[in-house]
Amino acid sequence: DLTAVKAKIKAKDYAGALAELRDIAEDTQQADVYNLLGFTLRKTGDYKTALTYYTKALELKPDHKAAREYLGELYVETGDMNKAKEQLASLTQLCPSGCEELEDLQKAIDTKVTK
């Protein structure tokens, strides 16, 4: 159950969330778990390890919209706008009529471009 983990992430208790997520990841291979590991690590500035977990999430579930959004945001934060736009293109295909993940990544890209 990821409810407790999500609560810790929302409270910015990234260390607590990471400990729980790593325990869960030892027992199960779930795209959602890997995505949250990537998100939590990205928020702590560990982009390299975050990238590994986003990649694992997308290997298990290529149409994982949140993983695509967060991976795109990682690329925005690390200055790789071309790769960020690749994730945006994937989300555009996954969400032909739009979705929150697509909007959020578009905002992140637009904000970076105008800064």
PDB file of N, CA and C in Angstrom:
ATOM      1  N   ASP A   1       0.847  -1.198   0.000  1.00  0.00           N
ATOM      2  CA  ASP A   1       0.000   0.000   0.000  1.00  0.00           C
ATOM      3  C   ASP A   1       0.880   1.245   0.000  1.00  0.00           C
ATOM      4  N   LEU A   2       0.687   2.088  -0.971  1.00  0.00           N
ATOM      5  CA  LEU A   2       1.541   3.265  -1.135  1.00  0.00           C
ATOM      6  C   LEU A   2       0.970   4.515  -0.473  1.00  0.00           C
ATOM      7  N   THR A   3      -0.151   4.386   0.227  1.00  0.00           N
ATOM      8  CA  THR A   3      -0.792   5.552   0.844  1.00  0.00           C
ATOM      9  C   THR A   3       0.135   6.241   1.836  1.00  0.00           C
ATOM     10  N   ALA A   4       0.764   5.458   2.719  1.00  0.00           N
ATOM     11  CA  ALA A   4       1.665   6.031   3.731  1.00  0.00           C
ATOM     12  C   ALA A   4       2.872   6.689   3.062  1.00  0.00           C
ATOM     13  N   VAL A   5       3.380   6.053   2.027  1.00  0.00           N
ATOM     14  CA  VAL A   5       4.531   6.601   1.300  1.00  0.00           C
ATOM     15  C   VAL A   5       4.161   7.938   0.660  1.00  0.00           C
ATOM     16  N   LYS A   6       2.994   7.969   0.012  1.00  0.00           N
ATOM     17  CA  LYS A   6       2.552   9.209  -0.640  1.00  0.00           C
ATOM     18  C   LYS A   6       2.358  10.323   0.382  1.00  0.00           C
ATOM     19  N   ALA A   7       1.882   9.974   1.577  1.00  0.00           N
ATOM     20  CA  ALA A   7       1.715  10.976   2.641  1.00  0.00           C
ATOM     21  C   ALA A   7       3.072  11.539   3.057  1.00  0.00           C
ATOM     22  N   LYS A   8       4.072  10.662   3.150  1.00  0.00           N
ATOM     23  CA  LYS A   8       5.421  11.121   3.510  1.00  0.00           C
ATOM     24  C   LYS A   8       5.996  12.027   2.425  1.00  0.00           C
ATOM     25  N   ILE A   9       5.781  11.665   1.176  1.00  0.00           N
ATOM     26  CA  ILE A   9       6.271  12.485   0.069  1.00  0.00           C
ATOM     27  C   ILE A   9       5.593  13.856   0.103  1.00  0.00           C
ATOM     28  N   LYS A  10       4.281  13.850   0.328  1.00  0.00           N
ATOM     29  CA  LYS A  10       3.542  15.118   0.385  1.00  0.00           C
ATOM     30  C   LYS A  10       4.065  16.006   1.509  1.00  0.00           C
ATOM     31  N   ALA A  11       4.468  15.369   2.625  1.00  0.00           N
ATOM     32  CA  ALA A  11       5.011  16.115   3.770  1.00  0.00           C
ATOM     33  C   ALA A  11       6.500  16.426   3.592  1.00  0.00           C
ATOM     34  N   LYS A  12       7.047  16.049   2.419  1.00  0.00           N
ATOM     35  CA  LYS A  12       8.467  16.256   2.101  1.00  0.00           C
ATOM     36  C   LYS A  12       9.405  15.460   3.013  1.00  0.00           C
ATOM     37  N   ASP A  13       8.892  14.330   3.561  1.00  0.00           N
ATOM     38  CA  ASP A  13       9.723  13.407   4.342  1.00  0.00           C
ATOM     39  C   ASP A  13      10.314  12.400   3.360  1.00  0.00           C
ATOM     40  N   TYR A  14      11.266  12.889   2.558  1.00  0.00           N
ATOM     41  CA  TYR A  14      11.810  12.056   1.484  1.00  0.00           C
ATOM     42  C   TYR A  14      12.625  10.883   2.018  1.00  0.00           C
ATOM     43  N   ALA A  15      13.353  11.080   3.110  1.00  0.00           N
ATOM     44  CA  ALA A  15      14.147   9.985   3.683  1.00  0.00           C
ATOM     45  C   ALA A  15      13.229   8.858   4.147  1.00  0.00           C
ATOM     46  N   GLY A  16      12.145   9.210   4.822  1.00  0.00           N
ATOM     47  CA  GLY A  16      11.187   8.206   5.284  1.00  0.00           C
ATOM     48  C   GLY A  16      10.525   7.489   4.127  1.00  0.00           C
ATOM     49  N   ALA A  17      10.159   8.246   3.108  1.00  0.00           N
ATOM     50  CA  ALA A  17       9.524   7.662   1.930  1.00  0.00           C
ATOM     51  C   ALA A  17      10.484   6.715   1.213  1.00  0.00           C
ATOM     52  N   LEU A  18      11.746   7.128   1.077  1.00  0.00           N
ATOM     53  CA  LEU A  18      12.742   6.282   0.401  1.00  0.00           C
ATOM     54  C   LEU A  18      12.927   4.957   1.116  1.00  0.00           C
ATOM     55  N   ALA A  19      13.006   4.996   2.445  1.00  0.00           N
ATOM     56  CA  ALA A  19      13.201   3.764   3.215  1.00  0.00           C
ATOM     57  C   ALA A  19      12.047   2.796   2.956  1.00  0.00           C
ATOM     58  N   GLU A  20      10.821   3.299   3.010  1.00  0.00           N
ATOM     59  CA  GLU A  20       9.658   2.439   2.772  1.00  0.00           C
ATOM     60  C   GLU A  20       9.620   1.936   1.335  1.00  0.00           C
ATOM     61  N   LEU A  21       9.885   2.821   0.390  1.00  0.00           N
ATOM     62  CA  LEU A  21       9.850   2.428  -1.019  1.00  0.00           C
ATOM     63  C   LEU A  21      10.899   1.367  -1.332  1.00  0.00           C
ATOM     64  N   ARG A  22      12.070   1.510  -0.744  1.00  0.00           N
ATOM     65  CA  ARG A  22      13.120   0.510  -1.002  1.00  0.00           C
ATOM     66  C   ARG A  22      12.711  -0.853  -0.456  1.00  0.00           C
ATOM     67  N   ASP A  23      12.050  -0.864   0.713  1.00  0.00           N
ATOM     68  CA  ASP A  23      11.544  -2.128   1.264  1.00  0.00           C
ATOM     69  C   ASP A  23      10.517  -2.750   0.323  1.00  0.00           C
ATOM     70  N   ILE A  24       9.591  -1.934  -0.160  1.00  0.00           N
ATOM     71  CA  ILE A  24       8.551  -2.431  -1.069  1.00  0.00           C
ATOM     72  C   ILE A  24       9.183  -2.933  -2.365  1.00  0.00           C
ATOM     73  N   ALA A  25      10.160  -2.202  -2.883  1.00  0.00           N
ATOM     74  CA  ALA A  25      10.793  -2.560  -4.159  1.00  0.00           C
ATOM     75  C   ALA A  25      11.541  -3.888  -4.067  1.00  0.00           C
ATOM     76  N   GLU A  26      12.005  -4.245  -2.857  1.00  0.00           N
ATOM     77  CA  GLU A  26      12.687  -5.536  -2.698  1.00  0.00           C
ATOM     78  C   GLU A  26      11.724  -6.697  -2.899  1.00  0.00           C
ATOM     79  N   ASP A  27      10.456  -6.488  -2.552  1.00  0.00           N
ATOM     80  CA  ASP A  27       9.464  -7.562  -2.602  1.00  0.00           C
ATOM     81  C   ASP A  27       8.684  -7.616  -3.907  1.00  0.00           C
ATOM     82  N   THR A  28       8.647  -6.528  -4.620  1.00  0.00           N
ATOM     83  CA  THR A  28       7.777  -6.474  -5.790  1.00  0.00           C
ATOM     84  C   THR A  28       8.369  -5.576  -6.870  1.00  0.00           C
ATOM     85  N   GLN A  29       8.078  -5.913  -8.101  1.00  0.00           N
ATOM     86  CA  GLN A  29       8.475  -5.051  -9.218  1.00  0.00           C
ATOM     87  C   GLN A  29       7.222  -4.371  -9.730  1.00  0.00           C
ATOM     88  N   GLN A  30       7.015  -3.128  -9.313  1.00  0.00           N
ATOM     89  CA  GLN A  30       5.839  -2.377  -9.740  1.00  0.00           C
ATOM     90  C   GLN A  30       6.277  -1.043 -10.328  1.00  0.00           C
ATOM     91  N   ALA A  31       5.686  -0.697 -11.451  1.00  0.00           N
ATOM     92  CA  ALA A  31       6.016   0.577 -12.092  1.00  0.00           C
ATOM     93  C   ALA A  31       5.743   1.750 -11.151  1.00  0.00           C
ATOM     94  N   ASP A  32       4.635   1.684 -10.392  1.00  0.00           N
ATOM     95  CA  ASP A  32       4.300   2.786  -9.479  1.00  0.00           C
ATOM     96  C   ASP A  32       5.367   2.966  -8.403  1.00  0.00           C
ATOM     97  N   VAL A  33       5.885   1.856  -7.886  1.00  0.00           N
ATOM     98  CA  VAL A  33       6.923   1.923  -6.846  1.00  0.00           C
ATOM     99  C   VAL A  33       8.193   2.545  -7.426  1.00  0.00           C
ATOM    100  N   TYR A  34       8.605   2.080  -8.592  1.00  0.00           N
ATOM    101  CA  TYR A  34       9.810   2.628  -9.221  1.00  0.00           C
ATOM    102  C   TYR A  34       9.627   4.111  -9.567  1.00  0.00           C
ATOM    103  N   ASN A  35       8.428   4.466 -10.019  1.00  0.00           N
ATOM    104  CA  ASN A  35       8.155   5.866 -10.337  1.00  0.00           C
ATOM    105  C   ASN A  35       8.288   6.735  -9.086  1.00  0.00           C
ATOM    106  N   LEU A  36       7.725   6.279  -7.967  1.00  0.00           N
ATOM    107  CA  LEU A  36       7.811   7.061  -6.724  1.00  0.00           C
ATOM    108  C   LEU A  36       9.244   7.115  -6.202  1.00  0.00           C
ATOM    109  N   LEU A  37       9.994   6.036  -6.384  1.00  0.00           N
ATOM    110  CA  LEU A  37      11.419   6.072  -6.019  1.00  0.00           C
ATOM    111  C   LEU A  37      12.129   7.147  -6.841  1.00  0.00           C
ATOM    112  N   GLY A  38      11.858   7.160  -8.133  1.00  0.00           N
ATOM    113  CA  GLY A  38      12.466   8.173  -8.995  1.00  0.00           C
ATOM    114  C   GLY A  38      12.085   9.579  -8.575  1.00  0.00           C
ATOM    115  N   PHE A  39      10.798   9.775  -8.286  1.00  0.00           N
ATOM    116  CA  PHE A  39      10.313  11.095  -7.874  1.00  0.00           C
ATOM    117  C   PHE A  39      11.011  11.552  -6.599  1.00  0.00           C
ATOM    118  N   THR A  40      11.054  10.660  -5.616  1.00  0.00           N
ATOM    119  CA  THR A  40      11.638  11.003  -4.313  1.00  0.00           C
ATOM    120  C   THR A  40      13.124  11.316  -4.452  1.00  0.00           C
ATOM    121  N   LEU A  41      13.831  10.515  -5.224  1.00  0.00           N
ATOM    122  CA  LEU A  41      15.262  10.753  -5.434  1.00  0.00           C
ATOM    123  C   LEU A  41      15.500  12.052  -6.207  1.00  0.00           C
ATOM    124  N   ARG A  42      14.648  12.337  -7.177  1.00  0.00           N
ATOM    125  CA  ARG A  42      14.779  13.593  -7.934  1.00  0.00           C
ATOM    126  C   ARG A  42      14.600  14.779  -6.996  1.00  0.00           C
ATOM    127  N   LYS A  43      13.654  14.666  -6.074  1.00  0.00           N
ATOM    128  CA  LYS A  43      13.401  15.766  -5.138  1.00  0.00           C
ATOM    129  C   LYS A  43      14.573  15.975  -4.175  1.00  0.00           C
ATOM    130  N   THR A  44      15.385  14.927  -3.965  1.00  0.00           N
ATOM    131  CA  THR A  44      16.563  15.077  -3.102  1.00  0.00           C
ATOM    132  C   THR A  44      17.801  15.448  -3.912  1.00  0.00           C
ATOM    133  N   GLY A  45      17.641  15.591  -5.245  1.00  0.00           N
ATOM    134  CA  GLY A  45      18.753  16.005  -6.092  1.00  0.00           C
ATOM    135  C   GLY A  45      19.588  14.868  -6.646  1.00  0.00           C
ATOM    136  N   ASP A  46      19.164  13.613  -6.405  1.00  0.00           N
ATOM    137  CA  ASP A  46      19.907  12.455  -6.919  1.00  0.00           C
ATOM    138  C   ASP A  46      19.349  12.088  -8.296  1.00  0.00           C
ATOM    139  N   TYR A  47      19.701  12.898  -9.283  1.00  0.00           N
ATOM    140  CA  TYR A  47      19.131  12.732 -10.620  1.00  0.00           C
ATOM    141  C   TYR A  47      19.557  11.425 -11.282  1.00  0.00           C
ATOM    142  N   LYS A  48      20.789  11.026 -11.061  1.00  0.00           N
ATOM    143  CA  LYS A  48      21.305   9.821 -11.722  1.00  0.00           C
ATOM    144  C   LYS A  48      20.516   8.581 -11.299  1.00  0.00           C
ATOM    145  N   THR A  49      20.315   8.416  -9.988  1.00  0.00           N
ATOM    146  CA  THR A  49      19.574   7.251  -9.502  1.00  0.00           C
ATOM    147  C   THR A  49      18.096   7.381  -9.855  1.00  0.00           C
ATOM    148  N   ALA A  50      17.568   8.600  -9.802  1.00  0.00           N
ATOM    149  CA  ALA A  50      16.168   8.823 -10.178  1.00  0.00           C
ATOM    150  C   ALA A  50      15.931   8.366 -11.617  1.00  0.00           C
ATOM    151  N   LEU A  51      16.853   8.704 -12.493  1.00  0.00           N
ATOM    152  CA  LEU A  51      16.748   8.315 -13.900  1.00  0.00           C
ATOM    153  C   LEU A  51      16.655   6.795 -14.037  1.00  0.00           C
ATOM    154  N   THR A  52      17.445   6.074 -13.250  1.00  0.00           N
ATOM    155  CA  THR A  52      17.424   4.610 -13.276  1.00  0.00           C
ATOM    156  C   THR A  52      16.035   4.079 -12.931  1.00  0.00           C
ATOM    157  N   TYR A  53      15.424   4.652 -11.892  1.00  0.00           N
ATOM    158  CA  TYR A  53      14.109   4.165 -11.465  1.00  0.00           C
ATOM    159  C   TYR A  53      13.002   4.553 -12.439  1.00  0.00           C
ATOM    160  N   TYR A  54      13.062   5.746 -13.005  1.00  0.00           N
ATOM    161  CA  TYR A  54      12.066   6.109 -14.024  1.00  0.00           C
ATOM    162  C   TYR A  54      12.169   5.156 -15.215  1.00  0.00           C
ATOM    163  N   THR A  55      13.401   4.826 -15.595  1.00  0.00           N
ATOM    164  CA  THR A  55      13.616   3.908 -16.714  1.00  0.00           C
ATOM    165  C   THR A  55      13.019   2.543 -16.402  1.00  0.00           C
ATOM    166  N   LYS A  56      13.240   2.055 -15.161  1.00  0.00           N
ATOM    167  CA  LYS A  56      12.660   0.760 -14.763  1.00  0.00           C
ATOM    168  C   LYS A  56      11.137   0.811 -14.810  1.00  0.00           C
ATOM    169  N   ALA A  57      10.561   1.908 -14.321  1.00  0.00           N
ATOM    170  CA  ALA A  57       9.101   2.045 -14.332  1.00  0.00           C
ATOM    171  C   ALA A  57       8.573   1.965 -15.761  1.00  0.00           C
ATOM    172  N   LEU A  58       9.254   2.645 -16.680  1.00  0.00           N
ATOM    173  CA  LEU A  58       8.792   2.680 -18.069  1.00  0.00           C
ATOM    174  C   LEU A  58       9.082   1.377 -18.812  1.00  0.00           C
ATOM    175  N   GLU A  59      10.085   0.625 -18.359  1.00  0.00           N
ATOM    176  CA  GLU A  59      10.313  -0.700 -18.946  1.00  0.00           C
ATOM    177  C   GLU A  59       9.144  -1.617 -18.598  1.00  0.00           C
ATOM    178  N   LEU A  60       8.657  -1.513 -17.360  1.00  0.00           N
ATOM    179  CA  LEU A  60       7.534  -2.341 -16.925  1.00  0.00           C
ATOM    180  C   LEU A  60       6.217  -1.864 -17.524  1.00  0.00           C
ATOM    181  N   LYS A  61       6.077  -0.552 -17.650  1.00  0.00           N
ATOM    182  CA  LYS A  61       4.807   0.018 -18.120  1.00  0.00           C
ATOM    183  C   LYS A  61       5.097   1.254 -18.982  1.00  0.00           C
ATOM    184  N   PRO A  62       5.334   1.044 -20.280  1.00  0.00           N
ATOM    185  CA  PRO A  62       5.717   2.149 -21.166  1.00  0.00           C
ATOM    186  C   PRO A  62       4.695   3.292 -21.226  1.00  0.00           C
ATOM    187  N   ASP A  63       3.438   3.007 -20.905  1.00  0.00           N
ATOM    188  CA  ASP A  63       2.412   4.056 -20.960  1.00  0.00           C
ATOM    189  C   ASP A  63       2.135   4.679 -19.588  1.00  0.00           C
ATOM    190  N   HIS A  64       3.098   4.571 -18.667  1.00  0.00           N
ATOM    191  CA  HIS A  64       2.950   5.147 -17.318  1.00  0.00           C
ATOM    192  C   HIS A  64       3.079   6.667 -17.423  1.00  0.00           C
ATOM    193  N   LYS A  65       1.946   7.345 -17.366  1.00  0.00           N
ATOM    194  CA  LYS A  65       1.935   8.792 -17.621  1.00  0.00           C
ATOM    195  C   LYS A  65       2.731   9.577 -16.582  1.00  0.00           C
ATOM    196  N   ALA A  66       2.589   9.223 -15.309  1.00  0.00           N
ATOM    197  CA  ALA A  66       3.308   9.969 -14.260  1.00  0.00           C
ATOM    198  C   ALA A  66       4.818   9.807 -14.425  1.00  0.00           C
ATOM    199  N   ALA A  67       5.268   8.594 -14.754  1.00  0.00           N
ATOM    200  CA  ALA A  67       6.706   8.373 -14.947  1.00  0.00           C
ATOM    201  C   ALA A  67       7.214   9.205 -16.125  1.00  0.00           C
ATOM    202  N   ARG A  68       6.430   9.278 -17.185  1.00  0.00           N
ATOM    203  CA  ARG A  68       6.830  10.099 -18.342  1.00  0.00           C
ATOM    204  C   ARG A  68       6.906  11.575 -17.950  1.00  0.00           C
ATOM    205  N   GLU A  69       5.914  12.051 -17.176  1.00  0.00           N
ATOM    206  CA  GLU A  69       5.933  13.451 -16.734  1.00  0.00           C
ATOM    207  C   GLU A  69       7.159  13.723 -15.874  1.00  0.00           C
ATOM    208  N   TYR A  70       7.379  12.877 -14.865  1.00  0.00           N
ATOM    209  CA  TYR A  70       8.472  13.121 -13.920  1.00  0.00           C
ATOM    210  C   TYR A  70       9.832  12.985 -14.590  1.00  0.00           C
ATOM    211  N   LEU A  71       9.954  12.033 -15.525  1.00  0.00           N
ATOM    212  CA  LEU A  71      11.204  11.900 -16.271  1.00  0.00           C
ATOM    213  C   LEU A  71      11.440  13.167 -17.097  1.00  0.00           C
ATOM    214  N   GLY A  72      10.388  13.661 -17.718  1.00  0.00           N
ATOM    215  CA  GLY A  72      10.501  14.917 -18.467  1.00  0.00           C
ATOM    216  C   GLY A  72      10.922  16.070 -17.573  1.00  0.00           C
ATOM    217  N   GLU A  73      10.359  16.112 -16.354  1.00  0.00           N
ATOM    218  CA  GLU A  73      10.722  17.174 -15.411  1.00  0.00           C
ATOM    219  C   GLU A  73      12.181  17.036 -14.967  1.00  0.00           C
ATOM    220  N   LEU A  74      12.650  15.799 -14.825  1.00  0.00           N
ATOM    221  CA  LEU A  74      14.061  15.586 -14.502  1.00  0.00           C
ATOM    222  C   LEU A  74      14.926  16.185 -15.611  1.00  0.00           C
ATOM    223  N   TYR A  75      14.554  15.925 -16.854  1.00  0.00           N
ATOM    224  CA  TYR A  75      15.326  16.473 -17.976  1.00  0.00           C
ATOM    225  C   TYR A  75      15.270  17.999 -17.991  1.00  0.00           C
ATOM    226  N   VAL A  76      14.117  18.578 -17.658  1.00  0.00           N
ATOM    227  CA  VAL A  76      14.014  20.042 -17.573  1.00  0.00           C
ATOM    228  C   VAL A  76      14.977  20.550 -16.504  1.00  0.00           C
ATOM    229  N   GLU A  77      14.955  19.896 -15.336  1.00  0.00           N
ATOM    230  CA  GLU A  77      15.791  20.338 -14.216  1.00  0.00           C
ATOM    231  C   GLU A  77      17.282  20.185 -14.506  1.00  0.00           C
ATOM    232  N   THR A  78      17.640  19.213 -15.346  1.00  0.00           N
ATOM    233  CA  THR A  78      19.051  19.002 -15.667  1.00  0.00           C
ATOM    234  C   THR A  78      19.439  19.685 -16.981  1.00  0.00           C
ATOM    235  N   GLY A  79      18.501  20.423 -17.584  1.00  0.00           N
ATOM    236  CA  GLY A  79      18.812  21.218 -18.764  1.00  0.00           C
ATOM    237  C   GLY A  79      18.783  20.480 -20.086  1.00  0.00           C
ATOM    238  N   ASP A  80      18.265  19.249 -20.109  1.00  0.00           N
ATOM    239  CA  ASP A  80      18.196  18.491 -21.360  1.00  0.00           C
ATOM    240  C   ASP A  80      16.797  18.653 -21.968  1.00  0.00           C
ATOM    241  N   MET A  81      16.585  19.799 -22.592  1.00  0.00           N
ATOM    242  CA  MET A  81      15.249  20.138 -23.086  1.00  0.00           C
ATOM    243  C   MET A  81      14.787  19.228 -24.232  1.00  0.00           C
ATOM    244  N   ASN A  82      15.722  18.726 -25.038  1.00  0.00           N
ATOM    245  CA  ASN A  82      15.323  17.828 -26.126  1.00  0.00           C
ATOM    246  C   ASN A  82      14.702  16.550 -25.579  1.00  0.00           C
ATOM    247  N   LYS A  83      15.330  15.982 -24.554  1.00  0.00           N
ATOM    248  CA  LYS A  83      14.779  14.758 -23.966  1.00  0.00           C
ATOM    249  C   LYS A  83      13.474  15.052 -23.225  1.00  0.00           C
ATOM    250  N   ALA A  84      13.375  16.229 -22.619  1.00  0.00           N
ATOM    251  CA  ALA A  84      12.119  16.623 -21.965  1.00  0.00           C
ATOM    252  C   ALA A  84      10.996  16.668 -23.001  1.00  0.00           C
ATOM    253  N   LYS A  85      11.309  17.217 -24.164  1.00  0.00           N
ATOM    254  CA  LYS A  85      10.299  17.324 -25.224  1.00  0.00           C
ATOM    255  C   LYS A  85       9.937  15.952 -25.801  1.00  0.00           C
ATOM    256  N   GLU A  86      10.873  14.996 -25.762  1.00  0.00           N
ATOM    257  CA  GLU A  86      10.548  13.627 -26.186  1.00  0.00           C
ATOM    258  C   GLU A  86       9.481  13.038 -25.263  1.00  0.00           C
ATOM    259  N   GLN A  87       9.625  13.286 -23.954  1.00  0.00           N
ATOM    260  CA  GLN A  87       8.624  12.790 -23.006  1.00  0.00           C
ATOM    261  C   GLN A  87       7.291  13.509 -23.219  1.00  0.00           C
ATOM    262  N   LEU A  88       7.361  14.789 -23.538  1.00  0.00           N
ATOM    263  CA  LEU A  88       6.145  15.554 -23.838  1.00  0.00           C
ATOM    264  C   LEU A  88       5.438  14.955 -25.058  1.00  0.00           C
ATOM    265  N   ALA A  89       6.208  14.590 -26.074  1.00  0.00           N
ATOM    266  CA  ALA A  89       5.632  13.980 -27.278  1.00  0.00           C
ATOM    267  C   ALA A  89       4.971  12.642 -26.941  1.00  0.00           C
ATOM    268  N   SER A  90       5.614  11.848 -26.075  1.00  0.00           N
ATOM    269  CA  SER A  90       5.026  10.571 -25.654  1.00  0.00           C
ATOM    270  C   SER A  90       3.710  10.805 -24.921  1.00  0.00           C
ATOM    271  N   LEU A  91       3.695  11.804 -24.036  1.00  0.00           N
ATOM    272  CA  LEU A  91       2.463  12.115 -23.300  1.00  0.00           C
ATOM    273  C   LEU A  91       1.369  12.625 -24.234  1.00  0.00           C
ATOM    274  N   THR A  92       1.755  13.355 -25.266  1.00  0.00           N
ATOM    275  CA  THR A  92       0.773  13.847 -26.236  1.00  0.00           C
ATOM    276  C   THR A  92       0.095  12.667 -26.925  1.00  0.00           C
ATOM    277  N   GLN A  93       0.864  11.613 -27.206  1.00  0.00           N
ATOM    278  CA  GLN A  93       0.289  10.410 -27.814  1.00  0.00           C
ATOM    279  C   GLN A  93      -0.581   9.648 -26.814  1.00  0.00           C
ATOM    280  N   LEU A  94      -0.141   9.587 -25.543  1.00  0.00           N
ATOM    281  CA  LEU A  94      -0.900   8.862 -24.520  1.00  0.00           C
ATOM    282  C   LEU A  94      -2.180   9.594 -24.131  1.00  0.00           C
ATOM    283  N   CYS A  95      -2.173  10.916 -24.271  1.00  0.00           N
ATOM    284  CA  CYS A  95      -3.312  11.753 -23.859  1.00  0.00           C
ATOM    285  C   CYS A  95      -3.764  12.630 -25.018  1.00  0.00           C
ATOM    286  N   PRO A  96      -4.368  12.044 -26.050  1.00  0.00           N
ATOM    287  CA  PRO A  96      -4.751  12.847 -27.211  1.00  0.00           C
ATOM    288  C   PRO A  96      -5.705  13.995 -26.868  1.00  0.00           C
ATOM    289  N   SER A  97      -6.515  13.824 -25.831  1.00  0.00           N
ATOM    290  CA  SER A  97      -7.424  14.915 -25.446  1.00  0.00           C
ATOM    291  C   SER A  97      -6.919  15.655 -24.212  1.00  0.00           C
ATOM    292  N   GLY A  98      -5.632  15.461 -23.897  1.00  0.00           N
ATOM    293  CA  GLY A  98      -5.010  16.164 -22.773  1.00  0.00           C
ATOM    294  C   GLY A  98      -5.130  15.392 -21.469  1.00  0.00           C
ATOM    295  N   CYS A  99      -4.212  15.664 -20.547  1.00  0.00           N
ATOM    296  CA  CYS A  99      -4.238  15.065 -19.217  1.00  0.00           C
ATOM    297  C   CYS A  99      -3.358  15.915 -18.297  1.00  0.00           C
ATOM    298  N   GLU A 100      -3.511  15.700 -17.006  1.00  0.00           N
ATOM    299  CA  GLU A 100      -2.776  16.509 -16.028  1.00  0.00           C
ATOM    300  C   GLU A 100      -1.263  16.377 -16.207  1.00  0.00           C
ATOM    301  N   GLU A 101      -0.790  15.151 -16.465  1.00  0.00           N
ATOM    302  CA  GLU A 101       0.647  14.926 -16.624  1.00  0.00           C
ATOM    303  C   GLU A 101       1.207  15.730 -17.796  1.00  0.00           C
ATOM    304  N   LEU A 102       0.468  15.738 -18.891  1.00  0.00           N
ATOM    305  CA  LEU A 102       0.872  16.497 -20.079  1.00  0.00           C
ATOM    306  C   LEU A 102       0.920  17.995 -19.770  1.00  0.00           C
ATOM    307  N   GLU A 103      -0.117  18.489 -19.107  1.00  0.00           N
ATOM    308  CA  GLU A 103      -0.167  19.919 -18.760  1.00  0.00           C
ATOM    309  C   GLU A 103       0.977  20.301 -17.827  1.00  0.00           C
ATOM    310  N   ASP A 104       1.239  19.451 -16.824  1.00  0.00           N
ATOM    311  CA  ASP A 104       2.285  19.762 -15.844  1.00  0.00           C
ATOM    312  C   ASP A 104       3.669  19.796 -16.487  1.00  0.00           C
ATOM    313  N   LEU A 105       3.946  18.828 -17.371  1.00  0.00           N
ATOM    314  CA  LEU A 105       5.249  18.817 -18.042  1.00  0.00           C
ATOM    315  C   LEU A 105       5.363  20.016 -18.987  1.00  0.00           C
ATOM    316  N   GLN A 106       4.288  20.344 -19.680  1.00  0.00           N
ATOM    317  CA  GLN A 106       4.311  21.507 -20.572  1.00  0.00           C
ATOM    318  C   GLN A 106       4.619  22.773 -19.772  1.00  0.00           C
ATOM    319  N   LYS A 107       4.007  22.910 -18.594  1.00  0.00           N
ATOM    320  CA  LYS A 107       4.271  24.069 -17.728  1.00  0.00           C
ATOM    321  C   LYS A 107       5.733  24.112 -17.308  1.00  0.00           C
ATOM    322  N   ALA A 108       6.286  22.960 -16.936  1.00  0.00           N
ATOM    323  CA  ALA A 108       7.689  22.902 -16.503  1.00  0.00           C
ATOM    324  C   ALA A 108       8.613  23.336 -17.639  1.00  0.00           C
ATOM    325  N   ILE A 109       8.322  22.869 -18.847  1.00  0.00           N
ATOM    326  CA  ILE A 109       9.138  23.236 -20.012  1.00  0.00           C
ATOM    327  C   ILE A 109       8.992  24.728 -20.309  1.00  0.00           C
ATOM    328  N   ASP A 110       7.754  25.218 -20.308  1.00  0.00           N
ATOM    329  CA  ASP A 110       7.511  26.638 -20.597  1.00  0.00           C
ATOM    330  C   ASP A 110       8.190  27.534 -19.571  1.00  0.00           C
ATOM    331  N   THR A 111       8.128  27.146 -18.303  1.00  0.00           N
ATOM    332  CA  THR A 111       8.738  27.932 -17.229  1.00  0.00           C
ATOM    333  C   THR A 111      10.246  27.996 -17.405  1.00  0.00           C
ATOM    334  N   LYS A 112      10.854  26.866 -17.761  1.00  0.00           N
ATOM    335  CA  LYS A 112      12.305  26.805 -17.957  1.00  0.00           C
ATOM    336  C   LYS A 112      12.727  27.661 -19.157  1.00  0.00           C
ATOM    337  N   VAL A 113      11.945  27.600 -20.217  1.00  0.00           N
ATOM    338  CA  VAL A 113      12.276  28.322 -21.446  1.00  0.00           C
ATOM    339  C   VAL A 113      12.196  29.834 -21.226  1.00  0.00           C
ATOM    340  N   THR A 114      11.249  30.287 -20.407  1.00  0.00           N
ATOM    341  CA  THR A 114      11.073  31.726 -20.209  1.00  0.00           C
ATOM    342  C   THR A 114      12.002  32.286 -19.138  1.00  0.00           C
ATOM    343  N   LYS A 115      12.695  31.425 -18.393  1.00  0.00           N
ATOM    344  CA  LYS A 115      13.606  31.923 -17.351  1.00  0.00           C
ATOM    345  C   LYS A 115      14.928  32.343 -17.945  1.00  0.00           C
TER     346      LYS A 115
END
